[in-house]
Amino acid sequence: MKTIKFLTMALMGLVFLAACDNDDDVSTSGDLNLNISGLEDLGPDYTYEGWIIVNGEAITTGTFDVDSEGTLSQTSFVIDREDLEAASTFVLTIEPVPDADPAPSKVHILAGNISGGGASLSVAHPAALGDDFSSSQGEYILATPTNESSDDENSGIWFLDNSSGSAEAGLTLPTLPEGWIYEGWVVINGQPVTTGKFSSVSGADDAAPYSCTQQGPPFPGEDFLQNAPAGLTFPVDLSNGLAVISIEPVPDNSEAPFVLKPLLGNIPNNAAVHSVYSMNNIASGSNPSGSVSISIE
C-alpha cells in the first residue's frame, strides 16, 4: 500500500510541475503584430527593425524586409510579456546589414505611443521624423546660371523664387532630425536624376556633377549641361518632366528617390525660363503609415 501511495503522489507531483511549466510558457511571452503600408524594398544592405521603448530603454522586436510590392517578410513577433506590458512606444528604424551595433540607428521612420494594446504609427511622431510634411511648399525656376550661354536655359532647375526681383528660397520644409536629408530630383524621360542633397533651403546643395564652372545661386538646384548619366544627353529640355523633393535616409544606398516624397512638380510643356512654378504637396500619399497590435494571453 505504501508503494502505491508513493507512486500516486509522485505522479500527482509530475502533473503539477507540468501544469506549472505550461503556465510559465503562456505567461512569459506575447505577440506583437505589425500592419504597415507604404514601405519600400531597401535592397540587401539594409533592413527594417522594430523596437519597443521600456522605461527609456530600446528593446528590439525583430527585423523584417519588404519586397517590391511593399509586403512585409514578417508581421508577427514573439516578445517577452513583461516588456510588452511595460512598453510605452514603438519605433521602426532602418538598420545596416550586417549590423554590429545592438542599439537603434538614427534613421527612425515610423513611431507611435502604445496604449490599449496597440499603437498608430506615423512619420509625424516625435520619435520618428517629427512632422507629416503637410505644410511643405515648393517653387522652382528653369535656368542655367553656371554657363554663359542663354540658349539652354530650360536645361537647369533651381528651387528658388525670383518673383520679387531678387532670389529667395523656393522651398518651405521643416528641419529634419538626425538620420535624414532632403534631395532634389528631376525625372527626364522616366529617369530620375539628382539635383543634390541638402539640409538648408537657403544654401547650396552638396554637389554639382552636371553643372558648368560659373557660380550657381545659393539654393538647391542643378544645371544639366555635362557628364550626362547613361541613357541621357545634356543639355536637355526639362519641359514636360517632373521635379521632386524627397527625404532620404543617411546613409543612402539607392540612386532613386526614397519613398518619402513631400513635393512634386509637373514641369509644364514648353515651360518658360526664369518663371516661377509651384510644386504640389503629395506627403499624404507618400508617407508610410500603419499600426501595431499587442496580444498577451
C-alpha atoms as a PDB file:
ATOM      1  CA  MET A   1       0.000   0.000   0.000  1.00  0.00           C
ATOM      2  CA  LYS A   2       2.839   2.364   0.861  1.00  0.00           C
ATOM      3  CA  THR A   3       4.360   1.745  -2.584  1.00  0.00           C
ATOM      4  CA  ILE A   4       1.070   2.510  -4.349  1.00  0.00           C
ATOM      5  CA  LYS A   5       0.605   5.676  -2.286  1.00  0.00           C
ATOM      6  CA  PHE A   6       4.117   6.828  -3.074  1.00  0.00           C
ATOM      7  CA  LEU A   7       3.666   6.277  -6.800  1.00  0.00           C
ATOM      8  CA  THR A   8       0.346   8.108  -6.755  1.00  0.00           C
ATOM      9  CA  MET A   9       1.905  11.141  -5.031  1.00  0.00           C
ATOM     10  CA  ALA A  10       4.845  11.110  -7.447  1.00  0.00           C
ATOM     11  CA  LEU A  11       2.516  11.118 -10.455  1.00  0.00           C
ATOM     12  CA  MET A  12       0.492  13.981  -8.962  1.00  0.00           C
ATOM     13  CA  GLY A  13       3.733  15.922  -8.481  1.00  0.00           C
ATOM     14  CA  LEU A  14       4.717  15.427 -12.113  1.00  0.00           C
ATOM     15  CA  VAL A  15       1.303  16.621 -13.292  1.00  0.00           C
ATOM     16  CA  PHE A  16       1.593  19.684 -11.047  1.00  0.00           C
ATOM     17  CA  LEU A  17       5.059  20.501 -12.367  1.00  0.00           C
ATOM     18  CA  ALA A  18       3.916  20.088 -15.976  1.00  0.00           C
ATOM     19  CA  ALA A  19       0.984  22.404 -15.351  1.00  0.00           C
ATOM     20  CA  CYS A  20       3.313  24.992 -13.827  1.00  0.00           C
ATOM     21  CA  ASP A  21       5.659  24.713 -16.794  1.00  0.00           C
ATOM     22  CA  ASN A  22       2.759  25.272 -19.202  1.00  0.00           C
ATOM     23  CA  ASP A  23       1.611  28.293 -17.209  1.00  0.00           C
ATOM     24  CA  ASP A  24       5.123  29.754 -17.397  1.00  0.00           C
ATOM     25  CA  ASP A  25       5.213  29.271 -21.172  1.00  0.00           C
ATOM     26  CA  VAL A  26       1.932  31.102 -21.604  1.00  0.00           C
ATOM     27  CA  SER A  27       2.674  33.906 -19.178  1.00  0.00           C
ATOM     28  CA  THR A  28       6.200  34.854 -20.228  1.00  0.00           C
ATOM     29  CA  SER A  29       5.564  35.919 -23.831  1.00  0.00           C
ATOM     30  CA  GLY A  30       3.131  37.728 -26.086  1.00  0.00           C
ATOM     31  CA  ASP A  31       2.718  38.636 -29.727  1.00  0.00           C
ATOM     32  CA  LEU A  32       3.472  41.945 -31.403  1.00  0.00           C
ATOM     33  CA  ASN A  33       1.757  42.275 -34.785  1.00  0.00           C
ATOM     34  CA  LEU A  34       2.515  44.840 -37.487  1.00  0.00           C
ATOM     35  CA  ASN A  35       0.175  46.236 -40.118  1.00  0.00           C
ATOM     36  CA  ILE A  36       2.231  48.724 -42.146  1.00  0.00           C
ATOM     37  CA  SER A  37       1.829  50.017 -45.681  1.00  0.00           C
ATOM     38  CA  GLY A  38       3.939  52.318 -47.843  1.00  0.00           C
ATOM     39  CA  LEU A  39       7.392  50.929 -47.038  1.00  0.00           C
ATOM     40  CA  GLU A  40       9.796  50.113 -49.845  1.00  0.00           C
ATOM     41  CA  ASP A  41      12.380  47.460 -50.612  1.00  0.00           C
ATOM     42  CA  LEU A  42      15.692  48.536 -49.062  1.00  0.00           C
ATOM     43  CA  GLY A  43      17.848  46.078 -51.001  1.00  0.00           C
ATOM     44  CA  PRO A  44      20.378  43.672 -49.477  1.00  0.00           C
ATOM     45  CA  ASP A  45      22.370  46.233 -47.485  1.00  0.00           C
ATOM     46  CA  TYR A  46      19.611  47.480 -45.158  1.00  0.00           C
ATOM     47  CA  THR A  47      16.642  46.117 -43.231  1.00  0.00           C
ATOM     48  CA  TYR A  48      13.783  47.366 -41.075  1.00  0.00           C
ATOM     49  CA  GLU A  49      13.888  46.781 -37.325  1.00  0.00           C
ATOM     50  CA  GLY A  50      11.172  47.321 -34.738  1.00  0.00           C
ATOM     51  CA  TRP A  51      11.773  48.495 -31.174  1.00  0.00           C
ATOM     52  CA  ILE A  52       9.694  48.935 -28.038  1.00  0.00           C
ATOM     53  CA  ILE A  53      10.686  51.566 -25.515  1.00  0.00           C
ATOM     54  CA  VAL A  54      10.552  50.166 -21.970  1.00  0.00           C
ATOM     55  CA  ASN A  55      11.480  52.550 -19.148  1.00  0.00           C
ATOM     56  CA  GLY A  56      13.544  54.596 -21.581  1.00  0.00           C
ATOM     57  CA  GLU A  57      15.393  51.571 -22.996  1.00  0.00           C
ATOM     58  CA  ALA A  58      15.037  50.381 -26.580  1.00  0.00           C
ATOM     59  CA  ILE A  59      14.367  46.638 -26.892  1.00  0.00           C
ATOM     60  CA  THR A  60      14.356  45.061 -30.337  1.00  0.00           C
ATOM     61  CA  THR A  61      11.229  43.310 -31.563  1.00  0.00           C
ATOM     62  CA  GLY A  62      12.945  41.838 -34.623  1.00  0.00           C
ATOM     63  CA  THR A  63      13.853  42.669 -38.202  1.00  0.00           C
ATOM     64  CA  PHE A  64      11.995  42.278 -41.474  1.00  0.00           C
ATOM     65  CA  ASP A  65      12.343  43.103 -45.151  1.00  0.00           C
ATOM     66  CA  VAL A  66       9.875  44.493 -47.674  1.00  0.00           C
ATOM     67  CA  ASP A  67       9.532  43.252 -51.240  1.00  0.00           C
ATOM     68  CA  SER A  68       8.895  45.254 -54.400  1.00  0.00           C
ATOM     69  CA  GLU A  69       5.144  45.088 -53.741  1.00  0.00           C
ATOM     70  CA  GLY A  70       5.518  46.560 -50.243  1.00  0.00           C
ATOM     71  CA  THR A  71       4.759  43.249 -48.481  1.00  0.00           C
ATOM     72  CA  LEU A  72       6.494  42.658 -45.151  1.00  0.00           C
ATOM     73  CA  SER A  73       8.508  39.436 -44.847  1.00  0.00           C
ATOM     74  CA  GLN A  74       7.286  39.007 -41.265  1.00  0.00           C
ATOM     75  CA  THR A  75       4.432  40.683 -39.399  1.00  0.00           C
ATOM     76  CA  SER A  76       4.204  38.787 -36.092  1.00  0.00           C
ATOM     77  CA  PHE A  77       6.913  38.668 -33.418  1.00  0.00           C
ATOM     78  CA  VAL A  78       7.052  36.834 -30.052  1.00  0.00           C
ATOM     79  CA  ILE A  79       8.170  39.240 -27.318  1.00  0.00           C
ATOM     80  CA  ASP A  80       8.721  38.946 -23.571  1.00  0.00           C
ATOM     81  CA  ARG A  81       5.397  39.538 -21.811  1.00  0.00           C
ATOM     82  CA  GLU A  82       6.772  41.887 -19.134  1.00  0.00           C
ATOM     83  CA  ASP A  83       8.441  44.033 -21.770  1.00  0.00           C
ATOM     84  CA  LEU A  84       5.237  44.247 -23.813  1.00  0.00           C
ATOM     85  CA  GLU A  85       3.189  45.201 -20.753  1.00  0.00           C
ATOM     86  CA  ALA A  86       5.670  47.967 -19.853  1.00  0.00           C
ATOM     87  CA  ALA A  87       6.236  49.284 -23.403  1.00  0.00           C
ATOM     88  CA  SER A  88       5.332  52.934 -23.954  1.00  0.00           C
ATOM     89  CA  THR A  89       6.347  53.477 -27.595  1.00  0.00           C
ATOM     90  CA  PHE A  90       7.015  51.503 -30.762  1.00  0.00           C
ATOM     91  CA  VAL A  91       9.702  52.769 -33.156  1.00  0.00           C
ATOM     92  CA  LEU A  92      10.644  51.468 -36.606  1.00  0.00           C
ATOM     93  CA  THR A  93      14.186  52.096 -37.819  1.00  0.00           C
ATOM     94  CA  ILE A  94      16.307  51.327 -40.868  1.00  0.00           C
ATOM     95  CA  GLU A  95      19.426  49.316 -39.987  1.00  0.00           C
ATOM     96  CA  PRO A  96      22.527  48.244 -41.932  1.00  0.00           C
ATOM     97  CA  VAL A  97      23.126  44.594 -42.861  1.00  0.00           C
ATOM     98  CA  PRO A  98      25.214  43.266 -41.195  1.00  0.00           C
ATOM     99  CA  ASP A  99      24.696  45.363 -38.054  1.00  0.00           C
ATOM    100  CA  ALA A 100      27.356  45.287 -35.353  1.00  0.00           C
ATOM    101  CA  ASP A 101      25.575  47.895 -33.193  1.00  0.00           C
ATOM    102  CA  PRO A 102      22.859  46.474 -30.896  1.00  0.00           C
ATOM    103  CA  ALA A 103      21.299  49.938 -30.443  1.00  0.00           C
ATOM    104  CA  PRO A 104      18.786  51.553 -32.829  1.00  0.00           C
ATOM    105  CA  SER A 105      20.187  53.577 -35.713  1.00  0.00           C
ATOM    106  CA  LYS A 106      19.388  57.279 -36.082  1.00  0.00           C
ATOM    107  CA  VAL A 107      17.088  56.543 -39.045  1.00  0.00           C
ATOM    108  CA  HIS A 108      13.656  56.438 -37.387  1.00  0.00           C
ATOM    109  CA  ILE A 109      10.881  56.228 -39.988  1.00  0.00           C
ATOM    110  CA  LEU A 110       7.708  55.405 -38.005  1.00  0.00           C
ATOM    111  CA  ALA A 111       6.683  55.579 -34.355  1.00  0.00           C
ATOM    112  CA  GLY A 112       3.618  55.600 -32.128  1.00  0.00           C
ATOM    113  CA  ASN A 113       2.594  55.619 -28.477  1.00  0.00           C
ATOM    114  CA  ILE A 114       1.367  52.246 -27.197  1.00  0.00           C
ATOM    115  CA  SER A 115      -1.978  52.383 -25.398  1.00  0.00           C
ATOM    116  CA  GLY A 116      -4.814  49.900 -25.002  1.00  0.00           C
ATOM    117  CA  GLY A 117      -2.879  47.075 -26.625  1.00  0.00           C
ATOM    118  CA  GLY A 118      -1.747  48.896 -29.722  1.00  0.00           C
ATOM    119  CA  ALA A 119      -0.363  51.983 -31.431  1.00  0.00           C
ATOM    120  CA  SER A 120      -0.967  54.011 -34.568  1.00  0.00           C
ATOM    121  CA  LEU A 121       2.288  54.610 -36.430  1.00  0.00           C
ATOM    122  CA  SER A 122       3.225  57.731 -38.381  1.00  0.00           C
ATOM    123  CA  VAL A 123       6.244  59.664 -39.603  1.00  0.00           C
ATOM    124  CA  ALA A 124       4.961  62.667 -37.635  1.00  0.00           C
ATOM    125  CA  HIS A 125       5.582  61.115 -34.214  1.00  0.00           C
ATOM    126  CA  PRO A 126       8.418  62.858 -32.302  1.00  0.00           C
ATOM    127  CA  ALA A 127      10.329  59.570 -32.149  1.00  0.00           C
ATOM    128  CA  ALA A 128      10.217  59.323 -35.973  1.00  0.00           C
ATOM    129  CA  LEU A 129      10.680  62.307 -38.322  1.00  0.00           C
ATOM    130  CA  GLY A 130       8.524  64.568 -36.151  1.00  0.00           C
ATOM    131  CA  ASP A 131       6.472  66.090 -38.994  1.00  0.00           C
ATOM    132  CA  ASP A 132       3.950  64.872 -41.565  1.00  0.00           C
ATOM    133  CA  PHE A 133       5.194  67.459 -44.134  1.00  0.00           C
ATOM    134  CA  SER A 134       1.639  68.537 -44.952  1.00  0.00           C
ATOM    135  CA  SER A 135       2.698  72.203 -44.695  1.00  0.00           C
ATOM    136  CA  SER A 136       5.672  71.846 -47.041  1.00  0.00           C
ATOM    137  CA  GLN A 137       5.685  74.065 -50.127  1.00  0.00           C
ATOM    138  CA  GLY A 138       7.908  74.349 -53.150  1.00  0.00           C
ATOM    139  CA  GLU A 139       8.661  76.638 -56.074  1.00  0.00           C
ATOM    140  CA  TYR A 140      11.324  76.483 -58.757  1.00  0.00           C
ATOM    141  CA  ILE A 141      12.557  78.124 -61.949  1.00  0.00           C
ATOM    142  CA  LEU A 142      14.241  76.771 -65.066  1.00  0.00           C
ATOM    143  CA  ALA A 143      17.611  78.420 -65.729  1.00  0.00           C
ATOM    144  CA  THR A 144      21.266  77.541 -66.349  1.00  0.00           C
ATOM    145  CA  PRO A 145      23.284  80.111 -64.381  1.00  0.00           C
ATOM    146  CA  THR A 146      26.508  78.048 -64.380  1.00  0.00           C
ATOM    147  CA  ASN A 147      27.373  78.701 -68.012  1.00  0.00           C
ATOM    148  CA  GLU A 148      27.464  81.803 -70.204  1.00  0.00           C
ATOM    149  CA  SER A 149      25.024  80.582 -72.838  1.00  0.00           C
ATOM    150  CA  SER A 150      21.399  81.678 -72.921  1.00  0.00           C
ATOM    151  CA  ASP A 151      20.404  79.002 -75.457  1.00  0.00           C
ATOM    152  CA  ASP A 152      19.885  76.164 -72.953  1.00  0.00           C
ATOM    153  CA  GLU A 153      18.084  77.833 -70.048  1.00  0.00           C
ATOM    154  CA  ASN A 154      15.476  75.070 -69.810  1.00  0.00           C
ATOM    155  CA  SER A 155      18.227  72.542 -69.005  1.00  0.00           C
ATOM    156  CA  GLY A 156      18.572  73.611 -65.363  1.00  0.00           C
ATOM    157  CA  ILE A 157      16.301  73.739 -62.343  1.00  0.00           C
ATOM    158  CA  TRP A 158      16.722  75.825 -59.202  1.00  0.00           C
ATOM    159  CA  PHE A 159      14.465  75.681 -56.163  1.00  0.00           C
ATOM    160  CA  LEU A 160      14.140  79.432 -55.696  1.00  0.00           C
ATOM    161  CA  ASP A 161      11.574  82.198 -56.102  1.00  0.00           C
ATOM    162  CA  ASN A 162      12.653  85.268 -58.101  1.00  0.00           C
ATOM    163  CA  SER A 163       9.185  86.844 -58.415  1.00  0.00           C
ATOM    164  CA  SER A 164      10.147  89.761 -56.146  1.00  0.00           C
ATOM    165  CA  GLY A 165      13.078  90.696 -58.390  1.00  0.00           C
ATOM    166  CA  SER A 166      15.674  89.030 -56.183  1.00  0.00           C
ATOM    167  CA  ALA A 167      16.249  85.349 -55.497  1.00  0.00           C
ATOM    168  CA  GLU A 168      14.669  83.919 -52.363  1.00  0.00           C
ATOM    169  CA  ALA A 169      14.248  80.390 -51.034  1.00  0.00           C
ATOM    170  CA  GLY A 170      11.684  78.484 -53.062  1.00  0.00           C
ATOM    171  CA  LEU A 171      11.198  75.668 -50.571  1.00  0.00           C
ATOM    172  CA  THR A 172       9.388  75.654 -47.240  1.00  0.00           C
ATOM    173  CA  LEU A 173      10.433  72.499 -45.413  1.00  0.00           C
ATOM    174  CA  PRO A 174      10.787  71.520 -41.742  1.00  0.00           C
ATOM    175  CA  THR A 175      14.194  70.808 -40.247  1.00  0.00           C
ATOM    176  CA  LEU A 176      14.897  67.091 -40.399  1.00  0.00           C
ATOM    177  CA  PRO A 177      16.127  65.032 -37.433  1.00  0.00           C
ATOM    178  CA  GLU A 178      19.482  63.264 -37.481  1.00  0.00           C
ATOM    179  CA  GLY A 179      19.481  60.359 -39.898  1.00  0.00           C
ATOM    180  CA  TRP A 180      17.627  62.137 -42.734  1.00  0.00           C
ATOM    181  CA  ILE A 181      18.400  64.630 -45.516  1.00  0.00           C
ATOM    182  CA  TYR A 182      16.483  66.246 -48.393  1.00  0.00           C
ATOM    183  CA  GLU A 183      17.298  65.560 -52.030  1.00  0.00           C
ATOM    184  CA  GLY A 184      16.098  67.284 -55.192  1.00  0.00           C
ATOM    185  CA  TRP A 185      15.346  65.417 -58.418  1.00  0.00           C
ATOM    186  CA  VAL A 186      14.180  65.822 -61.961  1.00  0.00           C
ATOM    187  CA  VAL A 187      12.650  62.955 -63.891  1.00  0.00           C
ATOM    188  CA  ILE A 188      13.816  63.053 -67.505  1.00  0.00           C
ATOM    189  CA  ASN A 189      12.204  60.597 -69.923  1.00  0.00           C
ATOM    190  CA  GLY A 190      11.228  58.460 -66.947  1.00  0.00           C
ATOM    191  CA  GLN A 191      14.742  58.503 -65.438  1.00  0.00           C
ATOM    192  CA  PRO A 192      15.280  60.227 -62.056  1.00  0.00           C
ATOM    193  CA  VAL A 193      18.410  62.385 -61.879  1.00  0.00           C
ATOM    194  CA  THR A 194      19.537  64.037 -58.666  1.00  0.00           C
ATOM    195  CA  THR A 195      19.957  67.786 -58.279  1.00  0.00           C
ATOM    196  CA  GLY A 196      21.809  67.266 -54.973  1.00  0.00           C
ATOM    197  CA  LYS A 197      21.201  66.680 -51.282  1.00  0.00           C
ATOM    198  CA  PHE A 198      20.657  69.495 -48.822  1.00  0.00           C
ATOM    199  CA  SER A 199      19.679  70.357 -45.259  1.00  0.00           C
ATOM    200  CA  SER A 200      19.080  74.081 -45.746  1.00  0.00           C
ATOM    201  CA  VAL A 201      16.682  75.595 -48.279  1.00  0.00           C
ATOM    202  CA  SER A 202      18.772  78.805 -48.252  1.00  0.00           C
ATOM    203  CA  GLY A 203      22.120  77.341 -49.186  1.00  0.00           C
ATOM    204  CA  ALA A 204      23.757  75.408 -51.991  1.00  0.00           C
ATOM    205  CA  ASP A 205      23.280  71.649 -52.010  1.00  0.00           C
ATOM    206  CA  ASP A 206      26.089  69.121 -51.621  1.00  0.00           C
ATOM    207  CA  ALA A 207      27.061  68.507 -55.252  1.00  0.00           C
ATOM    208  CA  ALA A 208      27.020  69.880 -58.787  1.00  0.00           C
ATOM    209  CA  PRO A 209      28.129  66.994 -61.031  1.00  0.00           C
ATOM    210  CA  TYR A 210      26.296  68.223 -64.123  1.00  0.00           C
ATOM    211  CA  SER A 211      26.791  71.991 -63.832  1.00  0.00           C
ATOM    212  CA  CYS A 212      29.422  74.103 -65.553  1.00  0.00           C
ATOM    213  CA  THR A 213      32.053  76.335 -63.951  1.00  0.00           C
ATOM    214  CA  GLN A 214      30.114  79.528 -63.229  1.00  0.00           C
ATOM    215  CA  GLN A 215      28.845  80.072 -59.684  1.00  0.00           C
ATOM    216  CA  GLY A 216      25.264  78.917 -59.181  1.00  0.00           C
ATOM    217  CA  PRO A 217      22.794  80.680 -56.861  1.00  0.00           C
ATOM    218  CA  PRO A 218      22.953  79.786 -53.121  1.00  0.00           C
ATOM    219  CA  PHE A 219      19.948  77.478 -53.270  1.00  0.00           C
ATOM    220  CA  PRO A 220      19.400  73.805 -54.067  1.00  0.00           C
ATOM    221  CA  GLY A 221      19.425  73.105 -57.809  1.00  0.00           C
ATOM    222  CA  GLU A 222      21.426  71.911 -60.773  1.00  0.00           C
ATOM    223  CA  ASP A 223      22.265  72.660 -64.393  1.00  0.00           C
ATOM    224  CA  PHE A 224      22.203  69.574 -66.600  1.00  0.00           C
ATOM    225  CA  LEU A 225      24.916  70.567 -69.051  1.00  0.00           C
ATOM    226  CA  GLN A 226      27.679  67.944 -68.889  1.00  0.00           C
ATOM    227  CA  ASN A 227      28.552  64.445 -67.624  1.00  0.00           C
ATOM    228  CA  ALA A 228      25.128  63.059 -68.527  1.00  0.00           C
ATOM    229  CA  PRO A 229      24.332  59.658 -66.967  1.00  0.00           C
ATOM    230  CA  ALA A 230      23.844  56.648 -69.235  1.00  0.00           C
ATOM    231  CA  GLY A 231      20.716  56.902 -71.342  1.00  0.00           C
ATOM    232  CA  LEU A 232      20.579  60.728 -71.374  1.00  0.00           C
ATOM    233  CA  THR A 233      22.124  63.535 -73.375  1.00  0.00           C
ATOM    234  CA  PHE A 234      22.819  67.014 -71.968  1.00  0.00           C
ATOM    235  CA  PRO A 235      21.807  69.768 -72.362  1.00  0.00           C
ATOM    236  CA  VAL A 236      18.178  68.653 -72.155  1.00  0.00           C
ATOM    237  CA  ASP A 237      14.776  70.291 -72.225  1.00  0.00           C
ATOM    238  CA  LEU A 238      13.203  69.701 -68.805  1.00  0.00           C
ATOM    239  CA  SER A 239       9.769  70.687 -70.076  1.00  0.00           C
ATOM    240  CA  ASN A 240       7.115  68.043 -69.526  1.00  0.00           C
ATOM    241  CA  GLY A 241       9.269  66.325 -66.880  1.00  0.00           C
ATOM    242  CA  LEU A 242       8.891  66.129 -63.119  1.00  0.00           C
ATOM    243  CA  ALA A 243      10.526  67.994 -60.252  1.00  0.00           C
ATOM    244  CA  VAL A 244      10.654  66.101 -56.945  1.00  0.00           C
ATOM    245  CA  ILE A 245      11.810  66.731 -53.407  1.00  0.00           C
ATOM    246  CA  SER A 246      12.452  63.542 -51.443  1.00  0.00           C
ATOM    247  CA  ILE A 247      13.567  62.742 -47.911  1.00  0.00           C
ATOM    248  CA  GLU A 248      16.475  60.304 -47.888  1.00  0.00           C
ATOM    249  CA  PRO A 249      17.959  58.124 -45.141  1.00  0.00           C
ATOM    250  CA  VAL A 250      21.572  58.708 -44.156  1.00  0.00           C
ATOM    251  CA  PRO A 251      23.461  56.738 -45.332  1.00  0.00           C
ATOM    252  CA  ASP A 252      21.639  56.220 -48.623  1.00  0.00           C
ATOM    253  CA  ASN A 253      22.427  53.259 -50.889  1.00  0.00           C
ATOM    254  CA  SER A 254      19.908  54.000 -53.650  1.00  0.00           C
ATOM    255  CA  GLU A 255      20.238  56.104 -56.799  1.00  0.00           C
ATOM    256  CA  ALA A 256      16.462  56.596 -56.893  1.00  0.00           C
ATOM    257  CA  PRO A 257      14.224  58.793 -54.708  1.00  0.00           C
ATOM    258  CA  PHE A 258      13.207  57.248 -51.371  1.00  0.00           C
ATOM    259  CA  VAL A 259       9.542  56.573 -50.624  1.00  0.00           C
ATOM    260  CA  LEU A 260       9.178  59.850 -48.691  1.00  0.00           C
ATOM    261  CA  LYS A 261       8.373  62.492 -51.325  1.00  0.00           C
ATOM    262  CA  PRO A 262       6.586  65.543 -49.870  1.00  0.00           C
ATOM    263  CA  LEU A 263       6.735  67.692 -53.027  1.00  0.00           C
ATOM    264  CA  LEU A 264       6.212  67.020 -56.720  1.00  0.00           C
ATOM    265  CA  GLY A 265       6.004  69.460 -59.631  1.00  0.00           C
ATOM    266  CA  ASN A 266       4.794  68.733 -63.139  1.00  0.00           C
ATOM    267  CA  ILE A 267       7.088  70.857 -65.284  1.00  0.00           C
ATOM    268  CA  PRO A 268       4.849  72.407 -67.962  1.00  0.00           C
ATOM    269  CA  ASN A 269       5.257  71.579 -71.606  1.00  0.00           C
ATOM    270  CA  ASN A 270       7.221  74.414 -73.251  1.00  0.00           C
ATOM    271  CA  ALA A 271       7.944  75.834 -69.789  1.00  0.00           C
ATOM    272  CA  ALA A 272       9.067  79.467 -69.768  1.00  0.00           C
ATOM    273  CA  VAL A 273      12.575  80.009 -68.422  1.00  0.00           C
ATOM    274  CA  HIS A 274      13.103  82.134 -65.292  1.00  0.00           C
ATOM    275  CA  SER A 275       9.371  81.859 -64.492  1.00  0.00           C
ATOM    276  CA  VAL A 276       8.294  80.604 -61.072  1.00  0.00           C
ATOM    277  CA  TYR A 277       6.396  77.312 -60.985  1.00  0.00           C
ATOM    278  CA  SER A 278       4.777  75.752 -57.934  1.00  0.00           C
ATOM    279  CA  MET A 279       5.043  72.185 -56.691  1.00  0.00           C
ATOM    280  CA  ASN A 280       2.237  70.039 -55.295  1.00  0.00           C
ATOM    281  CA  ASN A 281       2.273  68.684 -51.755  1.00  0.00           C
ATOM    282  CA  ILE A 282       1.887  64.894 -52.017  1.00  0.00           C
ATOM    283  CA  ALA A 283       3.027  63.975 -48.490  1.00  0.00           C
ATOM    284  CA  SER A 284      -0.249  62.322 -47.536  1.00  0.00           C
ATOM    285  CA  GLY A 285       0.115  59.896 -50.428  1.00  0.00           C
ATOM    286  CA  SER A 286       3.798  59.105 -49.986  1.00  0.00           C
ATOM    287  CA  ASN A 287       4.142  58.800 -46.219  1.00  0.00           C
ATOM    288  CA  PRO A 288       4.148  55.218 -44.924  1.00  0.00           C
ATOM    289  CA  SER A 289       1.791  54.507 -42.028  1.00  0.00           C
ATOM    290  CA  GLY A 290       0.407  51.622 -40.043  1.00  0.00           C
ATOM    291  CA  SER A 291      -0.365  50.178 -36.663  1.00  0.00           C
ATOM    292  CA  VAL A 292       0.910  47.801 -34.012  1.00  0.00           C
ATOM    293  CA  SER A 293      -1.271  45.419 -32.034  1.00  0.00           C
ATOM    294  CA  ILE A 294      -0.177  43.526 -28.926  1.00  0.00           C
ATOM    295  CA  SER A 295      -1.694  40.228 -27.844  1.00  0.00           C
ATOM    296  CA  ILE A 296      -0.929  38.793 -24.394  1.00  0.00           C
ATOM    297  CA  GLU A 297      -2.659  35.537 -23.432  1.00  0.00           C
END
